[in-house]
Protein backbone atom coordinates (compact mmCIF):
# COMPACT_ATOMS: atom_id res chain seq x y z
CA UNK A 1 12.74 109.29 -249.81
CA UNK A 2 12.42 113.05 -251.11
CA UNK A 3 9.64 115.31 -250.41
CA UNK A 4 7.87 117.04 -254.07
CA UNK A 5 5.48 119.01 -255.23
CA UNK A 6 3.14 118.52 -257.89
CA UNK A 7 0.54 121.16 -259.90
CA UNK A 8 -2.56 120.26 -261.45
CA UNK A 9 -3.71 122.40 -264.81
CA UNK A 10 -6.77 120.47 -264.95
CA UNK A 11 -8.01 121.47 -261.33
CA UNK A 12 -5.26 124.22 -260.27
CA UNK A 13 -3.86 122.14 -257.08
CA UNK A 14 -0.92 121.73 -255.81
CA UNK A 15 0.28 118.66 -253.51
CA UNK A 16 2.46 117.02 -251.89
CA UNK A 17 4.54 113.89 -252.76
CA UNK A 18 6.84 111.31 -250.78
CA UNK A 19 8.31 109.94 -254.72
CA UNK A 20 11.26 109.10 -256.56
CA UNK A 21 13.32 111.86 -257.89
CA UNK A 22 12.95 110.99 -261.28
CA UNK A 23 9.14 111.28 -261.63
CA UNK A 24 8.44 113.96 -263.36
CA UNK A 25 4.64 113.08 -263.83
CA UNK A 26 1.61 112.08 -260.82
CA UNK A 27 -1.92 111.66 -260.69
CA UNK A 28 -3.65 113.91 -259.32
CA UNK A 29 -5.42 113.26 -256.47
CA UNK A 30 -8.40 115.76 -256.72
CA UNK A 31 -8.76 115.24 -260.63
CA UNK A 32 -7.23 112.35 -261.89
CA UNK A 33 -5.42 113.78 -264.07
CA UNK A 34 -1.73 114.04 -264.73
CA UNK A 35 0.15 116.62 -263.14
CA UNK A 36 3.53 117.03 -263.55
CA UNK A 37 6.81 118.60 -260.52
CA UNK A 38 7.25 121.61 -260.25
CA UNK A 39 10.27 123.91 -258.60
CA UNK A 40 9.38 124.36 -254.45
CA UNK A 41 9.73 127.61 -252.73
CA UNK A 42 10.58 126.86 -248.37
CA UNK A 43 11.49 129.06 -246.48
CA UNK A 44 13.81 128.30 -243.31
CA UNK A 45 13.43 130.69 -240.03
CA UNK A 46 14.83 130.99 -236.80
CA UNK A 47 13.46 131.29 -233.33
CA UNK A 48 14.84 133.10 -230.78
CA UNK A 49 17.79 130.96 -229.82
CA UNK A 50 18.91 129.78 -233.51
CA UNK A 51 21.47 132.15 -233.11
CA UNK A 52 22.88 135.12 -235.44
CA UNK A 53 21.64 138.12 -235.14
CA UNK A 54 18.24 139.89 -236.81
CA UNK A 55 18.45 142.60 -239.37
CA UNK A 56 17.11 144.95 -237.08
CA UNK A 57 19.70 143.64 -234.10
CA UNK A 58 19.26 144.44 -230.51
CA UNK A 59 21.89 147.03 -229.27
CA UNK A 60 22.45 144.18 -226.40
CA UNK A 61 23.56 141.85 -228.55
CA UNK A 62 27.23 140.00 -229.47
CA UNK A 63 24.97 138.84 -233.27
CA UNK A 64 26.67 135.21 -232.01
CA UNK A 65 23.48 134.45 -229.02
CA UNK A 66 20.61 136.24 -229.58
CA UNK A 67 18.70 134.62 -227.01
CA UNK A 68 19.14 136.57 -224.08
CA UNK A 69 18.68 139.28 -225.95
């Protein structure tokens, strides 16, 4: 089951819930008001061993494995 983000306009709470994709509303865990599913954003970062060059780069990097920099 996918993880979705919901927003309660009544108490301004944002929360996540595992639920079916067809679920557009859910009760708020804080105030029990009807909350609507919202578009969530995420950020995927790269670690040092993640490969690929960063925007700054380094002089010793070939761009294929930045873990050795």
